Amino acid sequence: MMPRRAGSKSNCTVSGGLSDRGSSVVSFVILAPVLLFLVLGVAQVAIIGHVRHVATLAATAGAGEAAAFDGTASVGESRAQAQLYAASGWVLNPSVAVTRSDTEVTATVTAEAYKILPFGSFSVAVERVAPVERPQE
């Protein structure tokens, strides 16, 4: 038997006498969409987390401004909207609602996350409640 030279083709066969040539292409064709979907899913979760973080910051800022001693609900809404519009383009269709009573302020921010997956609706809603500042007696 002659020794095999480096770089020569092997005659590998799988059971049944069939060659395994091209099996890596088939494996790639099967696994590539799965891996792509997995990567896009992780990216979508990250985008949703970012939008939730931005909405939380906006709701907290709006509630803080409206809860100030001389604050109003409209000032709180303006502050929250400014926070949302200063954020990245991942936040879509934001809406802000701030209500103020004698004792507390409620700021609600809703928005949609940018979609990179072709299905689903990724909306985020955050509500923050803060007590109204009172003058010292």
Protein backbone atom coordinates (compact mmCIF):
# COMPACT_ATOMS: atom_id res chain seq x y z
CA MET A 1 0.00 0.00 0.00
CA MET A 2 1.37 3.38 -0.96
CA PRO A 3 1.52 6.14 1.66
CA ARG A 4 -0.97 8.92 1.13
CA ARG A 5 0.41 12.26 0.00
CA ALA A 6 -0.56 15.48 1.76
CA GLY A 7 -3.33 17.31 -0.02
CA SER A 8 -4.70 14.31 -1.85
CA LYS A 9 -8.43 13.69 -1.88
CA SER A 10 -9.79 11.00 0.38
CA ASN A 11 -12.39 8.56 -0.69
CA CYS A 12 -14.53 8.96 2.40
CA THR A 13 -17.91 7.37 2.23
CA VAL A 14 -20.73 7.12 4.67
CA SER A 15 -22.66 3.95 5.32
CA GLY A 16 -24.35 2.73 2.20
CA GLY A 17 -21.42 3.64 0.00
CA LEU A 18 -22.52 7.25 -0.63
CA SER A 19 -19.99 10.07 -0.66
CA ASP A 20 -20.22 12.82 1.98
CA ARG A 21 -19.10 15.51 -0.47
CA GLY A 22 -21.39 18.57 -0.30
CA SER A 23 -22.72 17.76 3.15
CA SER A 24 -21.19 20.94 4.59
CA VAL A 25 -23.16 23.03 2.08
CA VAL A 26 -26.38 21.31 3.09
CA SER A 27 -25.58 21.86 6.76
CA PHE A 28 -24.91 25.54 6.10
CA VAL A 29 -28.15 25.95 4.16
CA ILE A 30 -30.07 24.40 7.06
CA LEU A 31 -28.29 26.23 9.89
CA ALA A 32 -27.78 29.71 8.35
CA PRO A 33 -31.44 30.82 8.61
CA VAL A 34 -31.63 29.50 12.18
CA LEU A 35 -28.50 31.39 13.20
CA LEU A 36 -29.64 34.55 11.40
CA PHE A 37 -33.00 34.41 13.17
CA LEU A 38 -31.24 33.90 16.50
CA VAL A 39 -28.95 36.91 15.98
CA LEU A 40 -31.86 39.11 14.86
CA GLY A 41 -33.90 37.95 17.87
CA VAL A 42 -31.12 38.97 20.26
CA ALA A 43 -30.84 42.34 18.51
CA GLN A 44 -34.62 42.85 18.75
CA VAL A 45 -34.58 42.14 22.48
CA ALA A 46 -31.77 44.69 22.88
CA ILE A 47 -33.77 47.31 20.96
CA ILE A 48 -36.84 46.68 23.13
CA GLY A 49 -34.70 47.05 26.25
CA HIS A 50 -33.29 50.33 24.95
CA VAL A 51 -36.77 51.70 24.19
CA ARG A 52 -37.97 50.67 27.66
CA HIS A 53 -34.98 52.46 29.21
CA VAL A 54 -35.64 55.65 27.21
CA ALA A 55 -39.35 55.56 28.09
CA THR A 56 -38.50 55.08 31.77
CA LEU A 57 -36.14 58.06 31.70
CA ALA A 58 -38.76 60.22 29.98
CA ALA A 59 -41.53 59.22 32.40
CA THR A 60 -39.28 59.84 35.41
CA ALA A 61 -38.21 63.26 34.09
CA GLY A 62 -41.81 64.23 33.30
CA ALA A 63 -43.09 63.14 36.70
CA GLY A 64 -40.23 64.98 38.44
CA GLU A 65 -40.92 68.25 36.63
CA ALA A 66 -44.66 68.05 37.21
CA ALA A 67 -44.21 67.12 40.89
CA ALA A 68 -42.18 70.24 41.62
CA PHE A 69 -43.82 72.78 43.91
CA ASP A 70 -44.50 75.14 41.00
CA GLY A 71 -44.78 72.42 38.34
CA THR A 72 -47.74 71.64 36.12
CA ALA A 73 -48.83 68.64 34.07
CA SER A 74 -48.05 70.45 30.82
CA VAL A 75 -44.49 71.22 32.00
CA GLY A 76 -44.07 67.54 32.83
CA GLU A 77 -45.35 66.48 29.41
CA SER A 78 -42.98 68.91 27.69
CA ARG A 79 -40.02 67.59 29.65
CA ALA A 80 -40.89 63.94 28.89
CA GLN A 81 -41.39 64.67 25.19
CA ALA A 82 -38.05 66.48 25.05
CA GLN A 83 -36.38 63.39 26.55
CA LEU A 84 -38.06 61.13 23.98
CA TYR A 85 -37.17 63.26 20.99
CA ALA A 86 -33.56 63.56 22.13
CA ALA A 87 -33.29 59.76 22.12
CA SER A 88 -32.25 57.61 19.19
CA GLY A 89 -34.44 56.67 16.25
CA TRP A 90 -35.34 53.31 17.77
CA VAL A 91 -38.33 54.90 19.60
CA LEU A 92 -41.37 55.07 17.32
CA ASN A 93 -44.76 56.75 17.89
CA PRO A 94 -44.11 58.02 21.42
CA SER A 95 -46.95 59.44 23.46
CA VAL A 96 -46.88 61.10 26.87
CA ALA A 97 -49.69 61.67 29.38
CA VAL A 98 -49.09 63.47 32.67
CA THR A 99 -51.79 64.02 35.28
CA ARG A 100 -51.38 65.96 38.50
CA SER A 101 -53.64 65.85 41.53
CA ASP A 102 -53.22 67.57 44.89
CA THR A 103 -51.08 64.74 46.23
CA GLU A 104 -49.39 62.94 43.32
CA VAL A 105 -48.28 63.09 39.71
CA THR A 106 -48.63 60.22 37.25
CA ALA A 107 -46.58 60.22 34.04
CA THR A 108 -47.27 57.55 31.42
CA VAL A 109 -45.09 57.07 28.36
CA THR A 110 -45.97 54.63 25.58
CA ALA A 111 -43.90 53.93 22.50
CA GLU A 112 -43.15 51.26 19.94
CA ALA A 113 -39.75 49.71 19.38
CA TYR A 114 -38.23 49.63 15.93
CA LYS A 115 -38.92 46.23 14.35
CA ILE A 116 -36.20 44.22 12.68
CA LEU A 117 -38.15 40.96 12.84
CA PRO A 118 -41.00 40.67 10.34
CA PHE A 119 -43.63 39.78 12.92
CA GLY A 120 -44.96 40.96 16.25
CA SER A 121 -45.73 44.30 17.79
CA PHE A 122 -43.16 45.55 20.25
CA SER A 123 -44.79 48.28 22.29
CA VAL A 124 -43.58 49.61 25.62
CA ALA A 125 -45.60 51.37 28.32
CA VAL A 126 -44.03 52.89 31.43
CA GLU A 127 -45.79 54.68 34.28
CA ARG A 128 -44.13 56.69 37.04
CA VAL A 129 -45.87 58.12 40.09
CA ALA A 130 -44.32 60.85 42.25
CA PRO A 131 -45.63 62.79 45.25
CA VAL A 132 -46.30 66.50 44.76
CA GLU A 133 -43.85 68.75 46.58
CA ARG A 134 -45.38 70.72 49.43
CA PRO A 135 -44.07 73.89 51.03
CA GLN A 136 -42.60 73.47 54.50
CA GLU A 137 -44.94 74.58 57.23
